[in-house]
Amino acid sequence: MAKALSYARLATGHAVARAAQTADEVRWESERPAEVSPRKWLRDKRAQQDAATS
């Protein structure tokens, strides 16, 4: 039972982190200039976020 609860907590933590990442990506997409490809924009925004948290 304790192991199942531990896995549930781990999965919940992962889901929360993934939801936050997805929310950032949706917000970033709305800020993307038309001339920049979505893939490059997201890659650049992730790199900026990573640099800010490092």
N, C-alpha and C. Protein backbone atom coordinates (compact mmCIF):
# COMPACT_ATOMS: atom_id res chain seq x y z
N MET A 1 0.83 -1.19 0.00
CA MET A 1 0.00 0.00 0.00
C MET A 1 0.87 1.25 0.00
N ALA A 2 1.91 1.28 0.81
CA ALA A 2 2.79 2.45 0.88
C ALA A 2 3.48 2.68 -0.46
N LYS A 3 3.85 1.60 -1.14
CA LYS A 3 4.51 1.73 -2.43
C LYS A 3 3.55 2.33 -3.46
N ALA A 4 2.31 1.90 -3.43
CA ALA A 4 1.31 2.43 -4.36
C ALA A 4 1.10 3.93 -4.12
N LEU A 5 1.06 4.33 -2.86
CA LEU A 5 0.89 5.74 -2.53
C LEU A 5 2.11 6.54 -3.00
N SER A 6 3.28 5.96 -2.85
CA SER A 6 4.49 6.62 -3.31
C SER A 6 4.45 6.83 -4.83
N TYR A 7 4.03 5.82 -5.57
CA TYR A 7 3.92 5.94 -7.02
C TYR A 7 2.86 6.97 -7.41
N ALA A 8 1.75 7.00 -6.68
CA ALA A 8 0.70 7.98 -6.96
C ALA A 8 1.21 9.40 -6.74
N ARG A 9 1.98 9.61 -5.69
CA ARG A 9 2.55 10.94 -5.44
C ARG A 9 3.54 11.33 -6.53
N LEU A 10 4.35 10.38 -6.94
CA LEU A 10 5.32 10.63 -8.00
C LEU A 10 4.60 10.98 -9.30
N ALA A 11 3.57 10.23 -9.64
CA ALA A 11 2.81 10.48 -10.86
C ALA A 11 2.11 11.83 -10.80
N THR A 12 1.59 12.18 -9.66
CA THR A 12 0.92 13.47 -9.51
C THR A 12 1.91 14.61 -9.68
N GLY A 13 3.06 14.47 -9.09
CA GLY A 13 4.10 15.49 -9.24
C GLY A 13 4.52 15.66 -10.69
N HIS A 14 4.65 14.54 -11.39
CA HIS A 14 5.00 14.59 -12.81
C HIS A 14 3.89 15.27 -13.61
N ALA A 15 2.65 14.94 -13.33
CA ALA A 15 1.52 15.52 -14.05
C ALA A 15 1.44 17.03 -13.82
N VAL A 16 1.70 17.47 -12.60
CA VAL A 16 1.67 18.90 -12.29
C VAL A 16 2.76 19.63 -13.08
N ALA A 17 3.95 19.06 -13.10
CA ALA A 17 5.06 19.68 -13.82
C ALA A 17 4.77 19.73 -15.32
N ARG A 18 4.22 18.65 -15.85
CA ARG A 18 3.89 18.60 -17.29
C ARG A 18 2.79 19.60 -17.64
N ALA A 19 1.80 19.74 -16.77
CA ALA A 19 0.72 20.71 -16.99
C ALA A 19 1.27 22.13 -17.01
N ALA A 20 2.20 22.43 -16.12
CA ALA A 20 2.81 23.76 -16.08
C ALA A 20 3.61 24.01 -17.35
N GLN A 21 4.34 23.01 -17.81
CA GLN A 21 5.12 23.14 -19.03
C GLN A 21 4.20 23.38 -20.23
N THR A 22 3.11 22.65 -20.29
CA THR A 22 2.16 22.80 -21.39
C THR A 22 1.51 24.18 -21.36
N ALA A 23 1.19 24.68 -20.18
CA ALA A 23 0.62 26.02 -20.06
C ALA A 23 1.61 27.07 -20.57
N ASP A 24 2.88 26.92 -20.24
CA ASP A 24 3.91 27.84 -20.74
C ASP A 24 3.96 27.80 -22.26
N GLU A 25 3.93 26.60 -22.83
CA GLU A 25 4.03 26.46 -24.28
C GLU A 25 2.82 27.08 -24.98
N VAL A 26 1.64 26.95 -24.41
CA VAL A 26 0.45 27.56 -24.99
C VAL A 26 0.58 29.08 -24.96
N ARG A 27 1.05 29.61 -23.83
CA ARG A 27 1.24 31.06 -23.71
C ARG A 27 2.29 31.55 -24.70
N TRP A 28 3.40 30.80 -24.79
CA TRP A 28 4.46 31.19 -25.72
C TRP A 28 3.96 31.18 -27.17
N GLU A 29 3.15 30.20 -27.50
CA GLU A 29 2.64 30.11 -28.88
C GLU A 29 1.82 31.36 -29.21
N SER A 30 1.07 31.87 -28.25
CA SER A 30 0.28 33.07 -28.51
C SER A 30 1.16 34.31 -28.70
N GLU A 31 2.40 34.25 -28.21
CA GLU A 31 3.34 35.37 -28.34
C GLU A 31 4.23 35.25 -29.58
N ARG A 32 4.15 34.12 -30.27
CA ARG A 32 5.07 33.84 -31.39
C ARG A 32 4.81 34.76 -32.58
N PRO A 33 5.86 35.43 -33.08
CA PRO A 33 5.72 36.21 -34.31
C PRO A 33 5.42 35.28 -35.49
N ALA A 34 4.65 35.75 -36.43
CA ALA A 34 4.23 34.92 -37.57
C ALA A 34 5.41 34.42 -38.40
N GLU A 35 6.50 35.19 -38.46
CA GLU A 35 7.63 34.80 -39.31
C GLU A 35 8.55 33.76 -38.67
N VAL A 36 8.32 33.41 -37.42
CA VAL A 36 9.16 32.44 -36.72
C VAL A 36 8.43 31.10 -36.66
N SER A 37 9.14 30.03 -36.99
CA SER A 37 8.50 28.71 -36.98
C SER A 37 8.17 28.30 -35.54
N PRO A 38 7.06 27.58 -35.37
CA PRO A 38 6.68 27.15 -34.01
C PRO A 38 7.76 26.33 -33.33
N ARG A 39 8.40 25.45 -34.06
CA ARG A 39 9.44 24.60 -33.47
C ARG A 39 10.62 25.42 -32.95
N LYS A 40 11.09 26.36 -33.78
CA LYS A 40 12.21 27.21 -33.36
C LYS A 40 11.81 28.09 -32.18
N TRP A 41 10.61 28.64 -32.21
CA TRP A 41 10.15 29.52 -31.13
C TRP A 41 10.13 28.77 -29.80
N LEU A 42 9.54 27.57 -29.80
CA LEU A 42 9.48 26.80 -28.55
C LEU A 42 10.87 26.40 -28.08
N ARG A 43 11.73 26.02 -29.01
CA ARG A 43 13.10 25.65 -28.63
C ARG A 43 13.82 26.83 -27.98
N ASP A 44 13.67 28.02 -28.59
CA ASP A 44 14.30 29.22 -28.04
C ASP A 44 13.72 29.59 -26.67
N LYS A 45 12.40 29.50 -26.53
CA LYS A 45 11.76 29.84 -25.26
C LYS A 45 12.16 28.85 -24.16
N ARG A 46 12.24 27.57 -24.49
CA ARG A 46 12.70 26.58 -23.50
C ARG A 46 14.13 26.89 -23.08
N ALA A 47 14.98 27.25 -24.04
CA ALA A 47 16.38 27.56 -23.73
C ALA A 47 16.46 28.79 -22.82
N GLN A 48 15.62 29.79 -23.08
CA GLN A 48 15.60 30.98 -22.22
C GLN A 48 15.16 30.60 -20.80
N GLN A 49 14.13 29.77 -20.71
CA GLN A 49 13.62 29.36 -19.41
C GLN A 49 14.68 28.56 -18.66
N ASP A 50 15.35 27.64 -19.37
CA ASP A 50 16.40 26.83 -18.74
C ASP A 50 17.55 27.71 -18.23
N ALA A 51 17.91 28.70 -19.03
CA ALA A 51 19.00 29.60 -18.64
C ALA A 51 18.61 30.43 -17.41
N ALA A 52 17.35 30.80 -17.34
CA ALA A 52 16.89 31.60 -16.21
C ALA A 52 16.84 30.80 -14.91
N THR A 53 16.61 29.50 -15.01
CA THR A 53 16.53 28.67 -13.80
C THR A 53 17.86 28.07 -13.42
N SER A 54 18.86 28.19 -14.27
CA SER A 54 20.18 27.61 -13.95
C SER A 54 21.02 28.55 -13.16
